[in-house]
Amino acid sequence: MAVVQGHRIHWGASLESGFGVEVSSVSGQRPYRLQMGWPKCMCPGCCRIYHVTEPSEGEREAYTVGPSGQREAYTTEASGQQVVYTTDHNDQREVPKEEKPMSRLIVFLGSTRDGRNGTRVATHLVNLLKERKHAVTVFDPLKMPFELLRQPLHFMPDQSAAPQWLRDANAEIAAADGFVVVTPEYNCSLPPALVNMLDHFPPASFQHRPVGIACYSLGPFGGMRAAAFARPHLSELGLVSIPAQFTVPTVTQSYSADGQPQNERIENNAARLVTELSWYVDALKAARAAGVPN
């Protein structure tokens, strides 16, 4: 038995499931029950909350995680760490927050031309997304066997007859949390390879997920007209096009051949796209978990 902040902690067997402890006040009149380290209070009034740990030496300790006061635990805004205060005012311990599950993103490349420059932009964005702890897959129409579209997957009477790679790609899209489209501008519009690739898949696989647009060109306007055409097309697939747009003019001067940005403006704008997309990924993932409209 141990005493923490005026309460007796009785270490014992399972209560309803898992490891549990019973906590009672010094007077023994107000019992508490903690299960899996968190409380199920059985009394009204002066309830305290506890976080239970078991040190490697085998000595069990209990720390207050309680509602207020110097000894409560809280999550700091700056470090994102949970600071636990024990009954010793000088004992402060850093307890890492549980890491959120890694989000899955897909980057669509839009060009199949010889000497294409989209890989420069995509390489930089993929690196930034991975720094944010996203799992990233690249859909490249030059490396994936997309044929000229005759019938999209969702129009096929028997989808099991579709090529396995196409069904696997659709499953990846349906499991993704967000997307990035990297597109050049062809004749004041979107490149055919990009539209052909996207249109193979059912809108239901894309719905209620965010997409960021990165556009580029050899000239000074950065493919802005392609981005303008991309937004309604992506919306028709059920995607949420985020406000931030990454526009890359004079792409061969803005990026080295291996995808390294060559000026601060490009670095800042790419980071802005990734930051905003990450916010929308988290927000819409939570919204989908709560339920989507029929």
C-alpha atoms as a PDB file:
ATOM      1  CA  MET A   1       0.000   0.000   0.000  1.00  0.00           C
ATOM      2  CA  ALA A   2       1.222   3.525  -0.786  1.00  0.00           C
ATOM      3  CA  VAL A   3      -0.063   6.950   0.207  1.00  0.00           C
ATOM      4  CA  VAL A   4      -0.317   9.680  -2.449  1.00  0.00           C
ATOM      5  CA  GLN A   5      -1.665  13.122  -1.611  1.00  0.00           C
ATOM      6  CA  GLY A   6      -3.766  11.884   1.294  1.00  0.00           C
ATOM      7  CA  HIS A   7      -5.152   8.798  -0.431  1.00  0.00           C
ATOM      8  CA  ARG A   8      -4.328   5.154   0.140  1.00  0.00           C
ATOM      9  CA  ILE A   9      -3.545   3.202  -3.014  1.00  0.00           C
ATOM     10  CA  HIS A  10      -4.359  -0.523  -2.782  1.00  0.00           C
ATOM     11  CA  TRP A  11      -2.654  -2.529  -5.536  1.00  0.00           C
ATOM     12  CA  GLY A  12      -4.590  -5.577  -6.521  1.00  0.00           C
ATOM     13  CA  ALA A  13      -6.064  -7.861  -9.104  1.00  0.00           C
ATOM     14  CA  SER A  14      -8.269  -7.098 -12.083  1.00  0.00           C
ATOM     15  CA  LEU A  15     -11.411  -5.132 -11.435  1.00  0.00           C
ATOM     16  CA  GLU A  16     -13.461  -5.645 -14.577  1.00  0.00           C
ATOM     17  CA  SER A  17     -10.782  -6.078 -17.186  1.00  0.00           C
ATOM     18  CA  GLY A  18      -7.058  -5.508 -17.130  1.00  0.00           C
ATOM     19  CA  PHE A  19      -4.993  -4.291 -14.207  1.00  0.00           C
ATOM     20  CA  GLY A  20      -6.748  -2.116 -11.649  1.00  0.00           C
ATOM     21  CA  VAL A  21      -6.259  -0.446  -8.311  1.00  0.00           C
ATOM     22  CA  GLU A  22      -8.605   0.759  -5.623  1.00  0.00           C
ATOM     23  CA  VAL A  23      -8.037   4.204  -4.164  1.00  0.00           C
ATOM     24  CA  SER A  24      -9.678   5.311  -0.965  1.00  0.00           C
ATOM     25  CA  SER A  25      -9.388   8.459   1.098  1.00  0.00           C
ATOM     26  CA  VAL A  26      -7.535   8.434   4.406  1.00  0.00           C
ATOM     27  CA  SER A  27     -10.851   8.136   6.202  1.00  0.00           C
ATOM     28  CA  GLY A  28     -11.720   5.158   4.022  1.00  0.00           C
ATOM     29  CA  GLN A  29     -15.124   6.598   3.237  1.00  0.00           C
ATOM     30  CA  ARG A  30     -14.742   7.521  -0.416  1.00  0.00           C
ATOM     31  CA  PRO A  31     -13.493   4.662  -2.597  1.00  0.00           C
ATOM     32  CA  TYR A  32     -12.229   5.149  -6.121  1.00  0.00           C
ATOM     33  CA  ARG A  33     -11.605   2.605  -8.790  1.00  0.00           C
ATOM     34  CA  LEU A  34      -8.904   3.022 -11.462  1.00  0.00           C
ATOM     35  CA  GLN A  35      -8.874   0.792 -14.482  1.00  0.00           C
ATOM     36  CA  MET A  36      -6.067   0.668 -17.039  1.00  0.00           C
ATOM     37  CA  GLY A  37      -4.573   3.656 -15.261  1.00  0.00           C
ATOM     38  CA  TRP A  38      -7.596   5.918 -15.517  1.00  0.00           C
ATOM     39  CA  PRO A  39     -10.407   6.528 -13.016  1.00  0.00           C
ATOM     40  CA  LYS A  40     -13.937   5.298 -12.749  1.00  0.00           C
ATOM     41  CA  CYS A  41     -15.004   7.374  -9.790  1.00  0.00           C
ATOM     42  CA  MET A  42     -17.667   5.788  -7.603  1.00  0.00           C
ATOM     43  CA  CYS A  43     -18.483   8.832  -5.524  1.00  0.00           C
ATOM     44  CA  PRO A  44     -19.652  12.420  -5.963  1.00  0.00           C
ATOM     45  CA  GLY A  45     -17.719  15.314  -4.570  1.00  0.00           C
ATOM     46  CA  CYS A  46     -13.993  15.642  -4.089  1.00  0.00           C
ATOM     47  CA  CYS A  47     -12.847  13.380  -6.877  1.00  0.00           C
ATOM     48  CA  ARG A  48      -9.150  13.209  -7.722  1.00  0.00           C
ATOM     49  CA  ILE A  49      -7.690  11.619 -10.833  1.00  0.00           C
ATOM     50  CA  TYR A  50      -4.622   9.395 -10.948  1.00  0.00           C
ATOM     51  CA  HIS A  51      -2.238   8.100 -13.600  1.00  0.00           C
ATOM     52  CA  VAL A  52      -0.615   4.799 -12.611  1.00  0.00           C
ATOM     53  CA  THR A  53       2.806   3.574 -13.733  1.00  0.00           C
ATOM     54  CA  GLU A  54       5.038   0.655 -12.851  1.00  0.00           C
ATOM     55  CA  PRO A  55       8.810   1.440 -12.711  1.00  0.00           C
ATOM     56  CA  SER A  56      11.341  -1.099 -13.935  1.00  0.00           C
ATOM     57  CA  GLU A  57      12.582  -1.749 -10.393  1.00  0.00           C
ATOM     58  CA  GLY A  58       9.197  -3.207  -9.603  1.00  0.00           C
ATOM     59  CA  GLU A  59       8.134  -0.394  -7.281  1.00  0.00           C
ATOM     60  CA  ARG A  60       4.723   0.893  -8.260  1.00  0.00           C
ATOM     61  CA  GLU A  61       4.083   4.587  -8.112  1.00  0.00           C
ATOM     62  CA  ALA A  62       1.035   6.721  -8.580  1.00  0.00           C
ATOM     63  CA  TYR A  63       1.089  10.264  -9.869  1.00  0.00           C
ATOM     64  CA  THR A  64      -1.716  12.762  -9.762  1.00  0.00           C
ATOM     65  CA  VAL A  65      -3.023  13.760 -13.162  1.00  0.00           C
ATOM     66  CA  GLY A  66      -5.714  15.675 -11.371  1.00  0.00           C
ATOM     67  CA  PRO A  67      -8.059  18.490 -12.203  1.00  0.00           C
ATOM     68  CA  SER A  68      -6.012  21.410 -10.833  1.00  0.00           C
ATOM     69  CA  GLY A  69      -3.149  22.485  -8.640  1.00  0.00           C
ATOM     70  CA  GLN A  70       0.627  22.308  -8.790  1.00  0.00           C
ATOM     71  CA  ARG A  71       0.690  18.544  -8.938  1.00  0.00           C
ATOM     72  CA  GLU A  72      -1.613  18.022 -11.887  1.00  0.00           C
ATOM     73  CA  ALA A  73      -0.375  16.717 -15.229  1.00  0.00           C
ATOM     74  CA  TYR A  74      -1.030  18.662 -18.366  1.00  0.00           C
ATOM     75  CA  THR A  75       0.030  18.824 -21.983  1.00  0.00           C
ATOM     76  CA  THR A  76       2.262  21.777 -22.750  1.00  0.00           C
ATOM     77  CA  GLU A  77       1.494  23.791 -25.866  1.00  0.00           C
ATOM     78  CA  ALA A  78       5.141  24.323 -26.765  1.00  0.00           C
ATOM     79  CA  SER A  79       6.622  20.847 -26.485  1.00  0.00           C
ATOM     80  CA  GLY A  80       3.543  18.699 -26.904  1.00  0.00           C
ATOM     81  CA  GLN A  81       4.736  16.668 -23.929  1.00  0.00           C
ATOM     82  CA  GLN A  82       2.773  15.642 -20.879  1.00  0.00           C
ATOM     83  CA  VAL A  83       4.449  16.897 -17.689  1.00  0.00           C
ATOM     84  CA  VAL A  84       3.636  14.780 -14.651  1.00  0.00           C
ATOM     85  CA  TYR A  85       4.086  16.243 -11.155  1.00  0.00           C
ATOM     86  CA  THR A  86       4.437  13.825  -8.256  1.00  0.00           C
ATOM     87  CA  THR A  87       3.848  14.544  -4.572  1.00  0.00           C
ATOM     88  CA  ASP A  88       7.454  15.755  -4.508  1.00  0.00           C
ATOM     89  CA  HIS A  89       7.244  19.347  -5.772  1.00  0.00           C
ATOM     90  CA  ASN A  90      10.724  19.061  -7.307  1.00  0.00           C
ATOM     91  CA  ASP A  91       9.989  15.881  -9.245  1.00  0.00           C
ATOM     92  CA  GLN A  92       8.877  16.648 -12.797  1.00  0.00           C
ATOM     93  CA  ARG A  93       8.835  13.912 -15.405  1.00  0.00           C
ATOM     94  CA  GLU A  94       8.359  14.129 -19.143  1.00  0.00           C
ATOM     95  CA  VAL A  95       5.881  11.545 -20.418  1.00  0.00           C
ATOM     96  CA  PRO A  96       5.652  11.472 -24.245  1.00  0.00           C
ATOM     97  CA  LYS A  97       2.190  11.821 -25.716  1.00  0.00           C
ATOM     98  CA  GLU A  98       0.909   8.839 -27.619  1.00  0.00           C
ATOM     99  CA  GLU A  99       1.826   9.406 -31.265  1.00  0.00           C
ATOM    100  CA  LYS A 100      -1.071   9.731 -33.660  1.00  0.00           C
ATOM    101  CA  PRO A 101      -1.342   7.112 -36.405  1.00  0.00           C
ATOM    102  CA  MET A 102       0.596   7.931 -39.567  1.00  0.00           C
ATOM    103  CA  SER A 103      -1.561   9.433 -42.306  1.00  0.00           C
ATOM    104  CA  ARG A 104      -1.396   7.991 -45.818  1.00  0.00           C
ATOM    105  CA  LEU A 105      -1.047  10.356 -48.756  1.00  0.00           C
ATOM    106  CA  ILE A 106      -0.848   9.790 -52.504  1.00  0.00           C
ATOM    107  CA  VAL A 107       1.007  12.110 -54.882  1.00  0.00           C
ATOM    108  CA  PHE A 108      -0.257  12.029 -58.487  1.00  0.00           C
ATOM    109  CA  LEU A 109       2.259  12.976 -61.165  1.00  0.00           C
ATOM    110  CA  GLY A 110       0.640  14.560 -64.197  1.00  0.00           C
ATOM    111  CA  SER A 111       3.179  14.296 -66.987  1.00  0.00           C
ATOM    112  CA  THR A 112       4.613  11.489 -69.112  1.00  0.00           C
ATOM    113  CA  ARG A 113       6.621  13.662 -71.508  1.00  0.00           C
ATOM    114  CA  ASP A 114      10.306  13.038 -72.177  1.00  0.00           C
ATOM    115  CA  GLY A 115      12.392  15.342 -70.007  1.00  0.00           C
ATOM    116  CA  ARG A 116       9.425  16.084 -67.723  1.00  0.00           C
ATOM    117  CA  ASN A 117      10.057  18.417 -64.785  1.00  0.00           C
ATOM    118  CA  GLY A 118       7.265  17.318 -62.474  1.00  0.00           C
ATOM    119  CA  THR A 119       9.566  14.879 -60.684  1.00  0.00           C
ATOM    120  CA  ARG A 120      11.600  17.856 -59.413  1.00  0.00           C
ATOM    121  CA  VAL A 121       8.553  19.364 -57.718  1.00  0.00           C
ATOM    122  CA  ALA A 122       7.228  16.018 -56.523  1.00  0.00           C
ATOM    123  CA  THR A 123      10.546  14.983 -54.945  1.00  0.00           C
ATOM    124  CA  HIS A 124      10.597  18.114 -52.807  1.00  0.00           C
ATOM    125  CA  LEU A 125       6.964  17.740 -51.732  1.00  0.00           C
ATOM    126  CA  VAL A 126       7.357  14.038 -50.910  1.00  0.00           C
ATOM    127  CA  ASN A 127      10.337  14.855 -48.692  1.00  0.00           C
ATOM    128  CA  LEU A 128       8.365  17.564 -46.861  1.00  0.00           C
ATOM    129  CA  LEU A 129       5.397  15.242 -46.367  1.00  0.00           C
ATOM    130  CA  LYS A 130       7.628  12.513 -44.962  1.00  0.00           C
ATOM    131  CA  GLU A 131       9.145  15.031 -42.552  1.00  0.00           C
ATOM    132  CA  ARG A 132       5.586  15.505 -41.295  1.00  0.00           C
ATOM    133  CA  LYS A 133       5.426  11.742 -40.630  1.00  0.00           C
ATOM    134  CA  HIS A 134       3.068  11.005 -43.507  1.00  0.00           C
ATOM    135  CA  ALA A 135       3.347   7.747 -45.423  1.00  0.00           C
ATOM    136  CA  VAL A 136       3.588   8.743 -49.094  1.00  0.00           C
ATOM    137  CA  THR A 137       2.894   6.771 -52.281  1.00  0.00           C
ATOM    138  CA  VAL A 138       3.527   8.186 -55.754  1.00  0.00           C
ATOM    139  CA  PHE A 139       1.180   7.343 -58.637  1.00  0.00           C
ATOM    140  CA  ASP A 140       3.231   7.850 -61.798  1.00  0.00           C
ATOM    141  CA  PRO A 141       1.418   7.332 -65.128  1.00  0.00           C
ATOM    142  CA  LEU A 142       4.783   6.732 -66.773  1.00  0.00           C
ATOM    143  CA  LYS A 143       5.476   3.741 -64.512  1.00  0.00           C
ATOM    144  CA  MET A 144       1.938   2.396 -63.974  1.00  0.00           C
ATOM    145  CA  PRO A 145       0.276   0.614 -66.911  1.00  0.00           C
ATOM    146  CA  PHE A 146      -2.612   3.007 -67.476  1.00  0.00           C
ATOM    147  CA  GLU A 147      -4.061   2.518 -70.939  1.00  0.00           C
ATOM    148  CA  LEU A 148      -6.235   5.019 -72.748  1.00  0.00           C
ATOM    149  CA  LEU A 149      -9.430   4.904 -70.706  1.00  0.00           C
ATOM    150  CA  ARG A 150     -12.263   2.912 -72.254  1.00  0.00           C
ATOM    151  CA  GLN A 151     -14.216   2.014 -69.132  1.00  0.00           C
ATOM    152  CA  PRO A 152     -13.572   3.218 -65.562  1.00  0.00           C
ATOM    153  CA  LEU A 153     -13.433   0.677 -62.776  1.00  0.00           C
ATOM    154  CA  HIS A 154     -16.838   1.588 -61.350  1.00  0.00           C
ATOM    155  CA  PHE A 155     -18.547   1.119 -64.742  1.00  0.00           C
ATOM    156  CA  MET A 156     -17.330  -2.442 -65.142  1.00  0.00           C
ATOM    157  CA  PRO A 157     -20.132  -4.998 -64.671  1.00  0.00           C
ATOM    158  CA  ASP A 158     -17.663  -7.331 -62.949  1.00  0.00           C
ATOM    159  CA  GLN A 159     -14.942  -5.375 -61.166  1.00  0.00           C
ATOM    160  CA  SER A 160     -13.190  -8.595 -60.191  1.00  0.00           C
ATOM    161  CA  ALA A 161     -12.331  -8.965 -63.882  1.00  0.00           C
ATOM    162  CA  ALA A 162     -10.294  -5.727 -63.786  1.00  0.00           C
ATOM    163  CA  PRO A 163      -6.504  -6.062 -63.685  1.00  0.00           C
ATOM    164  CA  GLN A 164      -5.208  -6.780 -60.194  1.00  0.00           C
ATOM    165  CA  TRP A 165      -2.889  -3.751 -60.235  1.00  0.00           C
ATOM    166  CA  LEU A 166      -5.853  -1.465 -60.950  1.00  0.00           C
ATOM    167  CA  ARG A 167      -7.908  -2.931 -58.090  1.00  0.00           C
ATOM    168  CA  ASP A 168      -4.922  -2.618 -55.775  1.00  0.00           C
ATOM    169  CA  ALA A 169      -4.429   1.015 -56.826  1.00  0.00           C
ATOM    170  CA  ASN A 170      -8.088   1.742 -56.139  1.00  0.00           C
ATOM    171  CA  ALA A 171      -7.778   0.173 -52.687  1.00  0.00           C
ATOM    172  CA  GLU A 172      -4.793   2.434 -51.969  1.00  0.00           C
ATOM    173  CA  ILE A 173      -6.800   5.500 -52.989  1.00  0.00           C
ATOM    174  CA  ALA A 174      -9.754   4.463 -50.835  1.00  0.00           C
ATOM    175  CA  ALA A 175      -7.432   3.970 -47.843  1.00  0.00           C
ATOM    176  CA  ALA A 176      -5.602   7.289 -48.306  1.00  0.00           C
ATOM    177  CA  ASP A 177      -6.167  10.305 -46.068  1.00  0.00           C
ATOM    178  CA  GLY A 178      -5.216  12.953 -48.615  1.00  0.00           C
ATOM    179  CA  PHE A 179      -3.690  13.666 -52.013  1.00  0.00           C
ATOM    180  CA  VAL A 180      -1.365  15.984 -53.902  1.00  0.00           C
ATOM    181  CA  VAL A 181      -1.654  16.602 -57.637  1.00  0.00           C
ATOM    182  CA  VAL A 182       1.534  17.764 -59.366  1.00  0.00           C
ATOM    183  CA  THR A 183       0.606  19.080 -62.798  1.00  0.00           C
ATOM    184  CA  PRO A 184       2.081  21.054 -65.680  1.00  0.00           C
ATOM    185  CA  GLU A 185      -0.056  23.150 -67.988  1.00  0.00           C
ATOM    186  CA  TYR A 186      -0.674  21.739 -71.461  1.00  0.00           C
ATOM    187  CA  ASN A 187      -2.413  24.028 -73.962  1.00  0.00           C
ATOM    188  CA  CYS A 188      -4.074  26.107 -71.251  1.00  0.00           C
ATOM    189  CA  SER A 189      -5.443  22.956 -69.603  1.00  0.00           C
ATOM    190  CA  LEU A 190      -4.613  19.736 -67.733  1.00  0.00           C
ATOM    191  CA  PRO A 191      -2.290  17.119 -69.208  1.00  0.00           C
ATOM    192  CA  PRO A 192      -4.156  14.120 -70.711  1.00  0.00           C
ATOM    193  CA  ALA A 193      -2.083  11.613 -68.705  1.00  0.00           C
ATOM    194  CA  LEU A 194      -3.297  13.074 -65.409  1.00  0.00           C
ATOM    195  CA  VAL A 195      -6.993  13.153 -66.376  1.00  0.00           C
ATOM    196  CA  ASN A 196      -6.775   9.662 -67.863  1.00  0.00           C
ATOM    197  CA  MET A 197      -5.227   8.300 -64.657  1.00  0.00           C
ATOM    198  CA  LEU A 198      -7.697   9.919 -62.267  1.00  0.00           C
ATOM    199  CA  ASP A 199     -10.731   8.957 -64.324  1.00  0.00           C
ATOM    200  CA  HIS A 200      -9.950   5.242 -64.009  1.00  0.00           C
ATOM    201  CA  PHE A 201     -11.168   5.324 -60.401  1.00  0.00           C
ATOM    202  CA  PRO A 202     -14.619   5.792 -58.840  1.00  0.00           C
ATOM    203  CA  PRO A 203     -15.395   9.093 -57.096  1.00  0.00           C
ATOM    204  CA  ALA A 204     -16.418   7.109 -54.008  1.00  0.00           C
ATOM    205  CA  SER A 205     -12.758   6.189 -53.486  1.00  0.00           C
ATOM    206  CA  PHE A 206     -11.777   9.883 -53.263  1.00  0.00           C
ATOM    207  CA  GLN A 207     -14.706  11.409 -51.402  1.00  0.00           C
ATOM    208  CA  HIS A 208     -14.357  13.601 -48.316  1.00  0.00           C
ATOM    209  CA  ARG A 209     -10.567  13.829 -48.494  1.00  0.00           C
ATOM    210  CA  PRO A 210      -8.346  16.860 -49.096  1.00  0.00           C
ATOM    211  CA  VAL A 211      -6.148  17.471 -52.102  1.00  0.00           C
ATOM    212  CA  GLY A 212      -3.379  20.006 -52.613  1.00  0.00           C
ATOM    213  CA  ILE A 213      -2.452  21.286 -56.054  1.00  0.00           C
ATOM    214  CA  ALA A 214       1.111  21.963 -57.185  1.00  0.00           C
ATOM    215  CA  CYS A 215       1.431  23.400 -60.683  1.00  0.00           C
ATOM    216  CA  TYR A 216       4.510  24.346 -62.667  1.00  0.00           C
ATOM    217  CA  SER A 217       5.722  25.563 -66.035  1.00  0.00           C
ATOM    218  CA  LEU A 218       8.854  26.588 -67.851  1.00  0.00           C
ATOM    219  CA  GLY A 219       7.483  30.122 -68.150  1.00  0.00           C
ATOM    220  CA  PRO A 220       6.663  32.845 -65.628  1.00  0.00           C
ATOM    221  CA  PHE A 221       3.047  31.899 -64.828  1.00  0.00           C
ATOM    222  CA  GLY A 222       3.698  28.548 -63.180  1.00  0.00           C
ATOM    223  CA  GLY A 223       0.860  26.569 -64.770  1.00  0.00           C
ATOM    224  CA  MET A 224      -1.873  28.543 -63.011  1.00  0.00           C
ATOM    225  CA  ARG A 225      -4.445  27.819 -65.695  1.00  0.00           C
ATOM    226  CA  ALA A 226      -3.943  24.077 -65.204  1.00  0.00           C
ATOM    227  CA  ALA A 227      -4.589  24.523 -61.494  1.00  0.00           C
ATOM    228  CA  ALA A 228      -7.778  26.443 -62.295  1.00  0.00           C
ATOM    229  CA  PHE A 229      -9.012  23.515 -64.395  1.00  0.00           C
ATOM    230  CA  ALA A 230      -7.907  20.994 -61.781  1.00  0.00           C
ATOM    231  CA  ARG A 231     -10.144  22.354 -59.010  1.00  0.00           C
ATOM    232  CA  PRO A 232     -13.538  21.573 -60.609  1.00  0.00           C
ATOM    233  CA  HIS A 233     -12.274  18.243 -61.903  1.00  0.00           C
ATOM    234  CA  LEU A 234     -11.076  17.192 -58.433  1.00  0.00           C
ATOM    235  CA  SER A 235     -14.275  18.485 -56.878  1.00  0.00           C
ATOM    236  CA  GLU A 236     -16.282  16.261 -59.216  1.00  0.00           C
ATOM    237  CA  LEU A 237     -14.347  13.304 -57.790  1.00  0.00           C
ATOM    238  CA  GLY A 238     -15.533  14.290 -54.312  1.00  0.00           C
ATOM    239  CA  LEU A 239     -12.246  15.806 -53.163  1.00  0.00           C
ATOM    240  CA  VAL A 240     -11.844  18.952 -51.052  1.00  0.00           C
ATOM    241  CA  SER A 241      -9.383  21.233 -52.821  1.00  0.00           C
ATOM    242  CA  ILE A 242      -7.476  23.165 -50.146  1.00  0.00           C
ATOM    243  CA  PRO A 243      -7.070  26.955 -50.486  1.00  0.00           C
ATOM    244  CA  ALA A 244      -3.264  26.907 -50.560  1.00  0.00           C
ATOM    245  CA  GLN A 245      -1.784  26.386 -54.017  1.00  0.00           C
ATOM    246  CA  PHE A 246       1.876  25.788 -54.846  1.00  0.00           C
ATOM    247  CA  THR A 247       2.740  27.551 -58.088  1.00  0.00           C
ATOM    248  CA  VAL A 248       6.220  27.042 -59.563  1.00  0.00           C
ATOM    249  CA  PRO A 249       7.244  29.375 -62.416  1.00  0.00           C
ATOM    250  CA  THR A 250      10.453  28.791 -64.397  1.00  0.00           C
ATOM    251  CA  VAL A 251      10.646  25.317 -62.910  1.00  0.00           C
ATOM    252  CA  THR A 252      14.126  24.477 -64.190  1.00  0.00           C
ATOM    253  CA  GLN A 253      15.467  27.550 -62.373  1.00  0.00           C
ATOM    254  CA  SER A 254      13.352  26.987 -59.266  1.00  0.00           C
ATOM    255  CA  TYR A 255      14.523  23.397 -58.782  1.00  0.00           C
ATOM    256  CA  SER A 256      17.686  21.448 -59.416  1.00  0.00           C
ATOM    257  CA  ALA A 257      17.400  18.217 -61.389  1.00  0.00           C
ATOM    258  CA  ASP A 258      17.300  16.191 -58.155  1.00  0.00           C
ATOM    259  CA  GLY A 259      14.442  18.209 -56.657  1.00  0.00           C
ATOM    260  CA  GLN A 260      16.287  20.697 -54.465  1.00  0.00           C
ATOM    261  CA  PRO A 261      14.585  24.127 -54.222  1.00  0.00           C
ATOM    262  CA  GLN A 262      16.744  26.972 -55.458  1.00  0.00           C
ATOM    263  CA  ASN A 263      15.206  29.950 -53.682  1.00  0.00           C
ATOM    264  CA  GLU A 264      13.479  30.853 -50.445  1.00  0.00           C
ATOM    265  CA  ARG A 265      10.143  31.663 -52.047  1.00  0.00           C
ATOM    266  CA  ILE A 266       9.817  28.129 -53.386  1.00  0.00           C
ATOM    267  CA  GLU A 267      10.769  26.666 -50.010  1.00  0.00           C
ATOM    268  CA  ASN A 268       8.210  28.802 -48.172  1.00  0.00           C
ATOM    269  CA  ASN A 269       5.367  28.165 -50.600  1.00  0.00           C
ATOM    270  CA  ALA A 270       5.968  24.406 -50.644  1.00  0.00           C
ATOM    271  CA  ALA A 271       6.002  24.351 -46.833  1.00  0.00           C
ATOM    272  CA  ARG A 272       2.756  26.342 -46.758  1.00  0.00           C
ATOM    273  CA  LEU A 273       1.021  23.804 -49.008  1.00  0.00           C
ATOM    274  CA  VAL A 274       2.219  20.872 -46.891  1.00  0.00           C
ATOM    275  CA  THR A 275       1.270  22.588 -43.619  1.00  0.00           C
ATOM    276  CA  GLU A 276      -2.246  23.399 -44.790  1.00  0.00           C
ATOM    277  CA  LEU A 277      -2.749  19.977 -46.350  1.00  0.00           C
ATOM    278  CA  SER A 278      -1.653  18.311 -43.096  1.00  0.00           C
ATOM    279  CA  TRP A 279      -4.243  20.361 -41.193  1.00  0.00           C
ATOM    280  CA  TYR A 280      -7.002  19.357 -43.600  1.00  0.00           C
ATOM    281  CA  VAL A 281      -5.908  15.705 -43.449  1.00  0.00           C
ATOM    282  CA  ASP A 282      -6.332  15.661 -39.660  1.00  0.00           C
ATOM    283  CA  ALA A 283      -9.567  17.666 -39.708  1.00  0.00           C
ATOM    284  CA  LEU A 284     -11.301  15.609 -42.388  1.00  0.00           C
ATOM    285  CA  LYS A 285     -10.059  12.319 -40.932  1.00  0.00           C
ATOM    286  CA  ALA A 286     -11.758  13.240 -37.660  1.00  0.00           C
ATOM    287  CA  ALA A 287     -14.891  14.332 -39.537  1.00  0.00           C
ATOM    288  CA  ARG A 288     -15.070  11.041 -41.473  1.00  0.00           C
ATOM    289  CA  ALA A 289     -14.691   9.101 -38.240  1.00  0.00           C
ATOM    290  CA  ALA A 290     -17.745  10.957 -36.875  1.00  0.00           C
ATOM    291  CA  GLY A 291     -19.757  10.088 -39.987  1.00  0.00           C
ATOM    292  CA  VAL A 292     -20.145  11.364 -43.542  1.00  0.00           C
ATOM    293  CA  PRO A 293     -23.280  12.625 -45.320  1.00  0.00           C
ATOM    294  CA  ASN A 294     -25.197  10.103 -47.397  1.00  0.00           C
END
